Amino acid sequence: MRRRSDLYLRTVSHYAMSAENALALLERLHAHGVDACVGGGWSVDALLGKQTRDHSDLDLWVPAAHLDPLFVAFGEAGVDRIFPWPGDRPWNFVLHDGVRLRVDLHLYESLPDGSLHYGSVVDGDAFPAEALAGHGFIAGTAVRCESAEWAVRWHTGYPARDVDRHDVPLLCRKFGIPLPESFEPCVP
């Protein structure tokens, strides 16, 4: 999965996604029949059962077929602007409210074999539905989120950011997942 660069994160540092805001958006999506799965940093904290750091956005995995009701739900919440960024694609883009709320959308489609497809027809990725079958808690409220193993996997394959160096060891420790090589401390 493509990750936003550090420059991107610094450029929009005024955005903040509190637990209360994340839950309010998830509740609104649920009311509109959108099957949203929490991803990214909030998924990590949901799996850990507590907030361990501040979050600038809410990553969401959503079936592409639910995009229309998602737009209605987010429009009602004022999250109705696209935040253009080089490299955005129709299956991965950011919506925001122009003030403080930002949502990084990851759209997928279910394949006949039960797996999920993310990305273009030419070079997209398929992954098991279990990747989005995790369960955790945000501020005491149960949410569906990425599974721990996949949350770790999706934090690798690119140069680790400070938030990745924070999140990955916590998940690995709690769930007994081997720490990826790129996160091993350097030994002189």
N, C-alpha and C. Protein backbone atom coordinates (compact mmCIF):
# COMPACT_ATOMS: atom_id res chain seq x y z
N MET A 1 0.85 -1.16 0.00
CA MET A 1 0.00 0.00 0.00
C MET A 1 0.90 1.23 0.00
N ARG A 2 0.57 2.20 -0.81
CA ARG A 2 1.32 3.44 -0.90
C ARG A 2 1.07 4.27 0.35
N ARG A 3 2.13 4.87 0.87
CA ARG A 3 2.03 5.73 2.05
C ARG A 3 2.35 7.16 1.68
N ARG A 4 1.77 8.08 2.40
CA ARG A 4 2.04 9.49 2.20
C ARG A 4 3.45 9.81 2.68
N SER A 5 4.11 10.74 2.02
CA SER A 5 5.47 11.11 2.38
C SER A 5 5.49 11.99 3.62
N ASP A 6 6.67 12.12 4.23
CA ASP A 6 6.82 13.00 5.38
C ASP A 6 6.50 14.44 5.00
N LEU A 7 6.89 14.87 3.78
CA LEU A 7 6.59 16.22 3.33
C LEU A 7 5.08 16.44 3.34
N TYR A 8 4.34 15.45 2.87
CA TYR A 8 2.88 15.53 2.87
C TYR A 8 2.36 15.72 4.29
N LEU A 9 2.90 14.94 5.21
CA LEU A 9 2.43 15.02 6.60
C LEU A 9 2.75 16.39 7.20
N ARG A 10 3.92 16.95 6.89
CA ARG A 10 4.28 18.28 7.41
C ARG A 10 3.40 19.36 6.79
N THR A 11 3.05 19.20 5.52
CA THR A 11 2.26 20.21 4.82
C THR A 11 0.87 20.35 5.41
N VAL A 12 0.32 19.31 5.93
CA VAL A 12 -1.05 19.33 6.44
C VAL A 12 -1.09 19.04 7.94
N SER A 13 -0.07 19.51 8.64
CA SER A 13 0.06 19.18 10.05
C SER A 13 -1.04 19.79 10.92
N HIS A 14 -1.82 20.74 10.39
CA HIS A 14 -2.89 21.31 11.19
C HIS A 14 -4.09 20.38 11.29
N TYR A 15 -4.08 19.30 10.55
CA TYR A 15 -5.17 18.35 10.63
C TYR A 15 -4.99 17.48 11.87
N ALA A 16 -6.08 17.17 12.53
CA ALA A 16 -6.04 16.34 13.73
C ALA A 16 -7.32 15.49 13.76
N MET A 17 -7.14 14.20 14.01
CA MET A 17 -8.29 13.30 14.08
C MET A 17 -8.33 12.71 15.49
N SER A 18 -9.19 13.28 16.32
CA SER A 18 -9.36 12.78 17.68
C SER A 18 -10.16 11.48 17.66
N ALA A 19 -10.12 10.77 18.76
CA ALA A 19 -10.92 9.55 18.88
C ALA A 19 -12.40 9.87 18.72
N GLU A 20 -12.84 10.97 19.30
CA GLU A 20 -14.24 11.36 19.22
C GLU A 20 -14.65 11.65 17.77
N ASN A 21 -13.78 12.36 17.04
CA ASN A 21 -14.07 12.65 15.64
C ASN A 21 -14.08 11.38 14.81
N ALA A 22 -13.11 10.50 15.05
CA ALA A 22 -13.05 9.24 14.30
C ALA A 22 -14.32 8.43 14.53
N LEU A 23 -14.75 8.32 15.78
CA LEU A 23 -15.96 7.56 16.10
C LEU A 23 -17.21 8.20 15.50
N ALA A 24 -17.27 9.53 15.51
CA ALA A 24 -18.43 10.22 14.93
C ALA A 24 -18.52 9.95 13.43
N LEU A 25 -17.37 9.97 12.73
CA LEU A 25 -17.38 9.69 11.30
C LEU A 25 -17.76 8.23 11.03
N LEU A 26 -17.23 7.31 11.84
CA LEU A 26 -17.57 5.90 11.67
C LEU A 26 -19.06 5.66 11.92
N GLU A 27 -19.60 6.31 12.92
CA GLU A 27 -21.03 6.18 13.22
C GLU A 27 -21.88 6.71 12.06
N ARG A 28 -21.47 7.84 11.51
CA ARG A 28 -22.20 8.43 10.38
C ARG A 28 -22.15 7.48 9.18
N LEU A 29 -20.98 6.90 8.91
CA LEU A 29 -20.86 5.95 7.80
C LEU A 29 -21.76 4.74 8.02
N HIS A 30 -21.75 4.22 9.24
CA HIS A 30 -22.59 3.07 9.57
C HIS A 30 -24.07 3.39 9.34
N ALA A 31 -24.48 4.59 9.73
CA ALA A 31 -25.87 5.00 9.55
C ALA A 31 -26.27 5.05 8.07
N HIS A 32 -25.29 5.22 7.20
CA HIS A 32 -25.56 5.27 5.76
C HIS A 32 -25.25 3.94 5.07
N GLY A 33 -25.02 2.89 5.85
CA GLY A 33 -24.79 1.56 5.29
C GLY A 33 -23.42 1.34 4.69
N VAL A 34 -22.45 2.18 5.07
CA VAL A 34 -21.09 2.04 4.55
C VAL A 34 -20.31 1.10 5.46
N ASP A 35 -19.72 0.07 4.86
CA ASP A 35 -18.95 -0.94 5.59
C ASP A 35 -17.49 -0.49 5.66
N ALA A 36 -17.18 0.35 6.63
CA ALA A 36 -15.84 0.91 6.76
C ALA A 36 -14.99 0.10 7.73
N CYS A 37 -13.72 -0.06 7.38
CA CYS A 37 -12.74 -0.73 8.22
C CYS A 37 -11.62 0.26 8.51
N VAL A 38 -11.29 0.42 9.78
CA VAL A 38 -10.26 1.38 10.18
C VAL A 38 -8.89 0.84 9.79
N GLY A 39 -8.07 1.71 9.20
CA GLY A 39 -6.72 1.36 8.82
C GLY A 39 -5.71 2.31 9.43
N GLY A 40 -4.46 2.16 9.03
CA GLY A 40 -3.41 3.09 9.43
C GLY A 40 -3.20 3.16 10.93
N GLY A 41 -2.83 4.36 11.39
CA GLY A 41 -2.49 4.56 12.80
C GLY A 41 -3.62 4.31 13.76
N TRP A 42 -4.85 4.70 13.37
CA TRP A 42 -5.98 4.42 14.26
C TRP A 42 -6.24 2.91 14.36
N SER A 43 -5.94 2.16 13.30
CA SER A 43 -6.07 0.71 13.39
C SER A 43 -5.09 0.15 14.41
N VAL A 44 -3.87 0.66 14.38
CA VAL A 44 -2.86 0.23 15.34
C VAL A 44 -3.35 0.49 16.76
N ASP A 45 -3.81 1.71 17.01
CA ASP A 45 -4.27 2.04 18.36
C ASP A 45 -5.52 1.25 18.74
N ALA A 46 -6.41 0.99 17.77
CA ALA A 46 -7.59 0.16 18.07
C ALA A 46 -7.15 -1.24 18.48
N LEU A 47 -6.20 -1.81 17.75
CA LEU A 47 -5.71 -3.15 18.09
C LEU A 47 -5.05 -3.16 19.47
N LEU A 48 -4.36 -2.08 19.80
CA LEU A 48 -3.71 -1.98 21.11
C LEU A 48 -4.72 -1.68 22.22
N GLY A 49 -5.91 -1.22 21.83
CA GLY A 49 -6.96 -0.94 22.80
C GLY A 49 -6.81 0.39 23.51
N LYS A 50 -5.88 1.22 23.03
CA LYS A 50 -5.69 2.55 23.64
C LYS A 50 -4.98 3.46 22.64
N GLN A 51 -5.20 4.74 22.80
CA GLN A 51 -4.53 5.70 21.92
C GLN A 51 -3.11 5.90 22.43
N THR A 52 -2.14 5.69 21.53
CA THR A 52 -0.73 5.80 21.91
C THR A 52 -0.04 7.02 21.32
N ARG A 53 -0.71 7.71 20.39
CA ARG A 53 -0.13 8.91 19.78
C ARG A 53 -1.24 9.73 19.15
N ASP A 54 -0.90 10.95 18.74
CA ASP A 54 -1.85 11.80 18.02
C ASP A 54 -1.95 11.31 16.58
N HIS A 55 -3.10 11.56 15.96
CA HIS A 55 -3.34 11.15 14.58
C HIS A 55 -3.78 12.36 13.76
N SER A 56 -3.19 12.50 12.58
CA SER A 56 -3.55 13.62 11.71
C SER A 56 -4.72 13.27 10.79
N ASP A 57 -5.04 11.98 10.67
CA ASP A 57 -6.13 11.58 9.80
C ASP A 57 -6.72 10.26 10.26
N LEU A 58 -7.73 9.82 9.54
CA LEU A 58 -8.35 8.52 9.76
C LEU A 58 -8.25 7.77 8.44
N ASP A 59 -7.48 6.68 8.42
CA ASP A 59 -7.42 5.83 7.23
C ASP A 59 -8.62 4.89 7.27
N LEU A 60 -9.28 4.74 6.14
CA LEU A 60 -10.43 3.84 6.05
C LEU A 60 -10.33 2.96 4.81
N TRP A 61 -10.63 1.69 4.98
CA TRP A 61 -10.83 0.75 3.88
C TRP A 61 -12.33 0.67 3.67
N VAL A 62 -12.77 0.88 2.42
CA VAL A 62 -14.20 0.90 2.11
C VAL A 62 -14.42 0.18 0.78
N PRO A 63 -15.45 -0.67 0.69
CA PRO A 63 -15.76 -1.26 -0.62
C PRO A 63 -16.08 -0.15 -1.62
N ALA A 64 -15.53 -0.26 -2.82
CA ALA A 64 -15.76 0.76 -3.85
C ALA A 64 -17.25 0.97 -4.10
N ALA A 65 -18.04 -0.08 -3.96
CA ALA A 65 -19.49 0.02 -4.19
C ALA A 65 -20.18 0.91 -3.16
N HIS A 66 -19.51 1.24 -2.06
CA HIS A 66 -20.10 2.07 -1.01
C HIS A 66 -19.69 3.53 -1.13
N LEU A 67 -19.07 3.90 -2.23
CA LEU A 67 -18.56 5.26 -2.38
C LEU A 67 -19.68 6.31 -2.38
N ASP A 68 -20.79 6.05 -3.06
CA ASP A 68 -21.88 7.04 -3.09
C ASP A 68 -22.43 7.34 -1.69
N PRO A 69 -22.81 6.33 -0.90
CA PRO A 69 -23.30 6.67 0.45
C PRO A 69 -22.20 7.27 1.33
N LEU A 70 -20.94 6.91 1.08
CA LEU A 70 -19.84 7.51 1.82
C LEU A 70 -19.80 9.02 1.56
N PHE A 71 -19.92 9.42 0.29
CA PHE A 71 -19.92 10.85 -0.04
C PHE A 71 -21.08 11.57 0.65
N VAL A 72 -22.24 10.95 0.70
CA VAL A 72 -23.39 11.57 1.37
C VAL A 72 -23.10 11.73 2.86
N ALA A 73 -22.61 10.67 3.49
CA ALA A 73 -22.32 10.71 4.93
C ALA A 73 -21.27 11.76 5.25
N PHE A 74 -20.19 11.76 4.49
CA PHE A 74 -19.12 12.73 4.75
C PHE A 74 -19.56 14.14 4.39
N GLY A 75 -20.37 14.29 3.36
CA GLY A 75 -20.89 15.62 3.01
C GLY A 75 -21.68 16.21 4.15
N GLU A 76 -22.48 15.39 4.82
CA GLU A 76 -23.25 15.85 5.97
C GLU A 76 -22.34 16.30 7.11
N ALA A 77 -21.14 15.70 7.19
CA ALA A 77 -20.19 16.05 8.24
C ALA A 77 -19.23 17.16 7.81
N GLY A 78 -19.39 17.65 6.58
CA GLY A 78 -18.52 18.71 6.10
C GLY A 78 -17.19 18.23 5.55
N VAL A 79 -16.99 16.92 5.51
CA VAL A 79 -15.76 16.34 4.95
C VAL A 79 -16.06 16.11 3.47
N ASP A 80 -15.97 17.22 2.72
CA ASP A 80 -16.48 17.18 1.35
C ASP A 80 -15.51 17.75 0.32
N ARG A 81 -14.24 17.83 0.69
CA ARG A 81 -13.24 18.36 -0.23
C ARG A 81 -12.18 17.31 -0.50
N ILE A 82 -11.73 17.27 -1.74
CA ILE A 82 -10.63 16.35 -2.08
C ILE A 82 -9.33 17.09 -1.84
N PHE A 83 -8.42 16.44 -1.16
CA PHE A 83 -7.09 16.99 -0.92
C PHE A 83 -6.16 16.39 -1.97
N PRO A 84 -5.92 17.13 -3.07
CA PRO A 84 -5.11 16.54 -4.14
C PRO A 84 -3.65 16.39 -3.73
N TRP A 85 -3.08 15.27 -4.12
CA TRP A 85 -1.68 14.99 -3.83
C TRP A 85 -1.12 14.16 -4.97
N PRO A 86 0.07 14.49 -5.45
CA PRO A 86 0.64 13.70 -6.55
C PRO A 86 0.66 12.21 -6.19
N GLY A 87 0.24 11.40 -7.12
CA GLY A 87 0.22 9.95 -6.89
C GLY A 87 -1.13 9.43 -6.43
N ASP A 88 -2.06 10.33 -6.09
CA ASP A 88 -3.40 9.84 -5.74
C ASP A 88 -3.99 9.10 -6.93
N ARG A 89 -4.82 8.13 -6.64
CA ARG A 89 -5.46 7.32 -7.66
C ARG A 89 -6.94 7.21 -7.32
N PRO A 90 -7.75 6.76 -8.25
CA PRO A 90 -9.18 6.62 -7.95
C PRO A 90 -9.48 5.71 -6.78
N TRP A 91 -8.59 4.81 -6.43
CA TRP A 91 -8.83 3.88 -5.32
C TRP A 91 -8.17 4.36 -4.02
N ASN A 92 -7.43 5.47 -4.05
CA ASN A 92 -6.77 5.98 -2.85
C ASN A 92 -6.64 7.50 -2.95
N PHE A 93 -7.44 8.20 -2.15
CA PHE A 93 -7.38 9.66 -2.14
C PHE A 93 -7.86 10.16 -0.79
N VAL A 94 -7.64 11.45 -0.57
CA VAL A 94 -7.93 12.04 0.73
C VAL A 94 -9.09 13.02 0.62
N LEU A 95 -10.01 12.92 1.56
CA LEU A 95 -11.08 13.90 1.73
C LEU A 95 -10.82 14.67 3.02
N HIS A 96 -11.25 15.94 3.06
CA HIS A 96 -11.05 16.74 4.27
C HIS A 96 -12.14 17.79 4.39
N ASP A 97 -12.15 18.46 5.53
CA ASP A 97 -13.16 19.49 5.76
C ASP A 97 -12.60 20.89 5.61
N GLY A 98 -11.32 21.02 5.25
CA GLY A 98 -10.70 22.32 5.09
C GLY A 98 -10.24 22.96 6.38
N VAL A 99 -10.49 22.29 7.51
CA VAL A 99 -10.12 22.87 8.80
C VAL A 99 -9.23 21.92 9.59
N ARG A 100 -9.79 20.77 10.01
CA ARG A 100 -9.02 19.86 10.86
C ARG A 100 -9.23 18.38 10.58
N LEU A 101 -10.31 18.00 9.92
CA LEU A 101 -10.61 16.58 9.71
C LEU A 101 -10.14 16.12 8.33
N ARG A 102 -9.46 15.00 8.32
CA ARG A 102 -8.95 14.45 7.06
C ARG A 102 -9.10 12.93 7.10
N VAL A 103 -9.57 12.37 5.97
CA VAL A 103 -9.78 10.92 5.85
C VAL A 103 -9.04 10.43 4.61
N ASP A 104 -8.19 9.43 4.80
CA ASP A 104 -7.43 8.81 3.72
C ASP A 104 -8.18 7.54 3.31
N LEU A 105 -8.82 7.57 2.15
CA LEU A 105 -9.65 6.46 1.69
C LEU A 105 -8.86 5.45 0.88
N HIS A 106 -9.14 4.18 1.14
CA HIS A 106 -8.57 3.06 0.40
C HIS A 106 -9.75 2.22 -0.06
N LEU A 107 -10.05 2.28 -1.36
CA LEU A 107 -11.20 1.57 -1.90
C LEU A 107 -10.78 0.22 -2.45
N TYR A 108 -11.57 -0.80 -2.17
CA TYR A 108 -11.27 -2.15 -2.64
C TYR A 108 -12.52 -2.78 -3.22
N GLU A 109 -12.32 -3.88 -3.92
CA GLU A 109 -13.42 -4.66 -4.47
C GLU A 109 -13.24 -6.11 -4.07
N SER A 110 -14.34 -6.79 -3.82
CA SER A 110 -14.29 -8.22 -3.50
C SER A 110 -14.18 -9.02 -4.78
N LEU A 111 -13.32 -10.02 -4.76
CA LEU A 111 -13.14 -10.90 -5.91
C LEU A 111 -13.95 -12.17 -5.71
N PRO A 112 -14.27 -12.89 -6.79
CA PRO A 112 -15.08 -14.10 -6.68
C PRO A 112 -14.51 -15.15 -5.71
N ASP A 113 -13.19 -15.18 -5.54
CA ASP A 113 -12.59 -16.18 -4.65
C ASP A 113 -12.62 -15.75 -3.18
N GLY A 114 -13.23 -14.58 -2.88
CA GLY A 114 -13.33 -14.12 -1.51
C GLY A 114 -12.21 -13.17 -1.10
N SER A 115 -11.18 -13.05 -1.93
CA SER A 115 -10.11 -12.12 -1.61
C SER A 115 -10.54 -10.70 -2.00
N LEU A 116 -9.72 -9.73 -1.64
CA LEU A 116 -10.03 -8.34 -1.92
C LEU A 116 -8.99 -7.78 -2.88
N HIS A 117 -9.44 -6.89 -3.76
CA HIS A 117 -8.55 -6.28 -4.74
C HIS A 117 -8.44 -4.79 -4.46
N TYR A 118 -7.19 -4.30 -4.40
CA TYR A 118 -6.91 -2.89 -4.17
C TYR A 118 -5.98 -2.41 -5.27
N GLY A 119 -6.35 -1.36 -5.96
CA GLY A 119 -5.48 -0.80 -6.99
C GLY A 119 -6.04 -0.98 -8.38
N SER A 120 -5.18 -0.71 -9.35
CA SER A 120 -5.62 -0.78 -10.74
C SER A 120 -5.77 -2.22 -11.21
N VAL A 121 -6.43 -2.37 -12.33
CA VAL A 121 -6.59 -3.69 -12.93
C VAL A 121 -5.24 -4.23 -13.37
N VAL A 122 -4.36 -3.36 -13.80
CA VAL A 122 -3.06 -3.76 -14.34
C VAL A 122 -2.07 -4.15 -13.25
N ASP A 123 -1.96 -3.32 -12.20
CA ASP A 123 -0.94 -3.62 -11.20
C ASP A 123 -1.46 -3.54 -9.77
N GLY A 124 -2.71 -3.88 -9.58
CA GLY A 124 -3.28 -3.86 -8.24
C GLY A 124 -2.81 -5.05 -7.41
N ASP A 125 -3.23 -5.05 -6.18
CA ASP A 125 -2.87 -6.12 -5.25
C ASP A 125 -4.13 -6.83 -4.78
N ALA A 126 -4.02 -8.14 -4.63
CA ALA A 126 -5.09 -8.92 -4.01
C ALA A 126 -4.57 -9.37 -2.65
N PHE A 127 -5.46 -9.35 -1.67
CA PHE A 127 -5.10 -9.80 -0.33
C PHE A 127 -6.30 -10.47 0.29
N PRO A 128 -6.08 -11.31 1.30
CA PRO A 128 -7.22 -12.04 1.89
C PRO A 128 -8.14 -11.11 2.68
N ALA A 129 -9.41 -11.44 2.68
CA ALA A 129 -10.39 -10.65 3.42
C ALA A 129 -10.04 -10.59 4.91
N GLU A 130 -9.32 -11.60 5.40
CA GLU A 130 -8.91 -11.62 6.81
C GLU A 130 -8.03 -10.43 7.17
N ALA A 131 -7.41 -9.81 6.17
CA ALA A 131 -6.56 -8.64 6.42
C ALA A 131 -7.38 -7.50 7.02
N LEU A 132 -8.67 -7.46 6.72
CA LEU A 132 -9.54 -6.40 7.23
C LEU A 132 -10.52 -6.94 8.26
N ALA A 133 -10.15 -8.02 8.92
CA ALA A 133 -11.05 -8.67 9.88
C ALA A 133 -10.59 -8.51 11.33
N GLY A 134 -9.76 -7.51 11.59
CA GLY A 134 -9.33 -7.26 12.96
C GLY A 134 -10.43 -6.58 13.75
N HIS A 135 -10.30 -6.64 15.05
CA HIS A 135 -11.25 -5.98 15.95
C HIS A 135 -10.47 -5.29 17.04
N GLY A 136 -10.88 -4.08 17.35
CA GLY A 136 -10.21 -3.32 18.39
C GLY A 136 -11.16 -2.30 18.98
N PHE A 137 -10.57 -1.37 19.72
CA PHE A 137 -11.37 -0.37 20.43
C PHE A 137 -10.76 1.01 20.27
N ILE A 138 -11.62 1.97 19.93
CA ILE A 138 -11.24 3.37 19.94
C ILE A 138 -12.07 4.03 21.04
N ALA A 139 -11.38 4.55 22.04
CA ALA A 139 -12.05 5.20 23.18
C ALA A 139 -13.14 4.30 23.76
N GLY A 140 -12.85 3.01 23.87
CA GLY A 140 -13.78 2.06 24.46
C GLY A 140 -14.87 1.55 23.54
N THR A 141 -14.93 2.04 22.32
CA THR A 141 -15.94 1.61 21.35
C THR A 141 -15.35 0.59 20.39
N ALA A 142 -16.02 -0.54 20.23
CA ALA A 142 -15.53 -1.60 19.34
C ALA A 142 -15.59 -1.13 17.89
N VAL A 143 -14.50 -1.40 17.15
CA VAL A 143 -14.43 -1.07 15.73
C VAL A 143 -13.80 -2.24 14.98
N ARG A 144 -14.14 -2.34 13.69
CA ARG A 144 -13.46 -3.29 12.81
C ARG A 144 -12.24 -2.57 12.27
N CYS A 145 -11.12 -3.28 12.22
CA CYS A 145 -9.88 -2.68 11.77
C CYS A 145 -9.03 -3.74 11.07
N GLU A 146 -7.88 -3.31 10.57
CA GLU A 146 -6.94 -4.24 9.96
C GLU A 146 -6.52 -5.27 10.99
N SER A 147 -6.21 -6.47 10.54
CA SER A 147 -5.66 -7.47 11.46
C SER A 147 -4.24 -7.04 11.82
N ALA A 148 -3.76 -7.48 12.96
CA ALA A 148 -2.43 -7.07 13.43
C ALA A 148 -1.34 -7.44 12.43
N GLU A 149 -1.40 -8.66 11.90
CA GLU A 149 -0.36 -9.11 10.97
C GLU A 149 -0.31 -8.23 9.72
N TRP A 150 -1.48 -7.86 9.21
CA TRP A 150 -1.52 -7.03 8.01
C TRP A 150 -1.19 -5.59 8.32
N ALA A 151 -1.55 -5.10 9.49
CA ALA A 151 -1.17 -3.74 9.88
C ALA A 151 0.36 -3.63 9.90
N VAL A 152 1.03 -4.65 10.42
CA VAL A 152 2.49 -4.65 10.41
C VAL A 152 3.00 -4.71 8.97
N ARG A 153 2.45 -5.60 8.18
CA ARG A 153 2.89 -5.76 6.79
C ARG A 153 2.75 -4.45 6.02
N TRP A 154 1.65 -3.74 6.22
CA TRP A 154 1.40 -2.50 5.48
C TRP A 154 2.24 -1.33 5.99
N HIS A 155 2.96 -1.51 7.08
CA HIS A 155 3.88 -0.49 7.58
C HIS A 155 5.31 -0.75 7.09
N THR A 156 5.48 -1.70 6.17
CA THR A 156 6.81 -2.00 5.65
C THR A 156 6.80 -1.81 4.13
N GLY A 157 7.97 -1.96 3.51
CA GLY A 157 8.06 -1.85 2.06
C GLY A 157 8.32 -0.44 1.58
N TYR A 158 8.55 0.46 2.49
CA TYR A 158 8.90 1.85 2.17
C TYR A 158 9.75 2.35 3.34
N PRO A 159 10.47 3.45 3.15
CA PRO A 159 11.29 3.95 4.27
C PRO A 159 10.41 4.28 5.48
N ALA A 160 10.75 3.72 6.62
CA ALA A 160 9.94 3.90 7.83
C ALA A 160 9.97 5.35 8.28
N ARG A 161 8.79 5.83 8.64
CA ARG A 161 8.64 7.16 9.23
C ARG A 161 8.66 7.03 10.74
N ASP A 162 8.72 8.14 11.45
CA ASP A 162 8.71 8.10 12.90
C ASP A 162 7.46 7.39 13.43
N VAL A 163 6.30 7.65 12.82
CA VAL A 163 5.08 7.00 13.29
C VAL A 163 5.13 5.49 13.07
N ASP A 164 5.78 5.05 11.99
CA ASP A 164 5.93 3.61 11.74
C ASP A 164 6.85 2.99 12.79
N ARG A 165 7.93 3.69 13.13
CA ARG A 165 8.88 3.19 14.14
C ARG A 165 8.23 3.16 15.52
N HIS A 166 7.18 3.93 15.70
CA HIS A 166 6.41 3.90 16.95
C HIS A 166 5.41 2.74 16.92
N ASP A 167 4.64 2.63 15.82
CA ASP A 167 3.52 1.69 15.74
C ASP A 167 3.94 0.22 15.63
N VAL A 168 4.86 -0.07 14.75
CA VAL A 168 5.20 -1.46 14.43
C VAL A 168 5.72 -2.23 15.65
N PRO A 169 6.70 -1.70 16.40
CA PRO A 169 7.15 -2.47 17.57
C PRO A 169 6.05 -2.73 18.60
N LEU A 170 5.13 -1.77 18.77
CA LEU A 170 4.04 -1.98 19.72
C LEU A 170 3.15 -3.14 19.29
N LEU A 171 2.80 -3.18 18.00
CA LEU A 171 1.99 -4.30 17.49
C LEU A 171 2.72 -5.62 17.60
N CYS A 172 3.98 -5.62 17.20
CA CYS A 172 4.76 -6.87 17.24
C CYS A 172 4.85 -7.40 18.67
N ARG A 173 5.10 -6.52 19.61
CA ARG A 173 5.22 -6.93 21.00
C ARG A 173 3.90 -7.50 21.52
N LYS A 174 2.79 -6.79 21.26
CA LYS A 174 1.50 -7.24 21.80
C LYS A 174 1.02 -8.54 21.17
N PHE A 175 1.25 -8.70 19.86
CA PHE A 175 0.69 -9.86 19.15
C PHE A 175 1.71 -10.94 18.85
N GLY A 176 2.93 -10.82 19.36
CA GLY A 176 3.94 -11.86 19.15
C GLY A 176 4.36 -11.99 17.71
N ILE A 177 4.35 -10.89 16.98
CA ILE A 177 4.75 -10.89 15.57
C ILE A 177 6.24 -10.55 15.50
N PRO A 178 7.01 -11.30 14.72
CA PRO A 178 8.43 -10.95 14.60
C PRO A 178 8.61 -9.53 14.04
N LEU A 179 9.51 -8.78 14.65
CA LEU A 179 9.78 -7.42 14.20
C LEU A 179 10.43 -7.48 12.82
N PRO A 180 9.88 -6.79 11.82
CA PRO A 180 10.49 -6.81 10.48
C PRO A 180 11.94 -6.32 10.52
N GLU A 181 12.75 -6.87 9.62
CA GLU A 181 14.17 -6.53 9.57
C GLU A 181 14.42 -5.03 9.55
N SER A 182 13.65 -4.31 8.76
CA SER A 182 13.87 -2.88 8.62
C SER A 182 13.60 -2.11 9.92
N PHE A 183 13.01 -2.78 10.92
CA PHE A 183 12.75 -2.12 12.19
C PHE A 183 13.68 -2.61 13.29
N GLU A 184 14.57 -3.54 12.96
CA GLU A 184 15.54 -4.02 13.94
C GLU A 184 16.47 -2.86 14.30
N PRO A 185 16.80 -2.74 15.58
CA PRO A 185 17.75 -1.67 15.96
C PRO A 185 19.11 -1.95 15.31
N CYS A 186 19.78 -0.86 14.94
CA CYS A 186 21.13 -1.01 14.35
C CYS A 186 22.10 -1.41 15.46
N VAL A 187 22.89 -2.41 15.19
CA VAL A 187 23.89 -2.88 16.13
C VAL A 187 25.27 -2.51 15.58
N PRO A 188 26.06 -1.71 16.31
CA PRO A 188 27.38 -1.32 15.78
C PRO A 188 28.31 -2.50 15.67
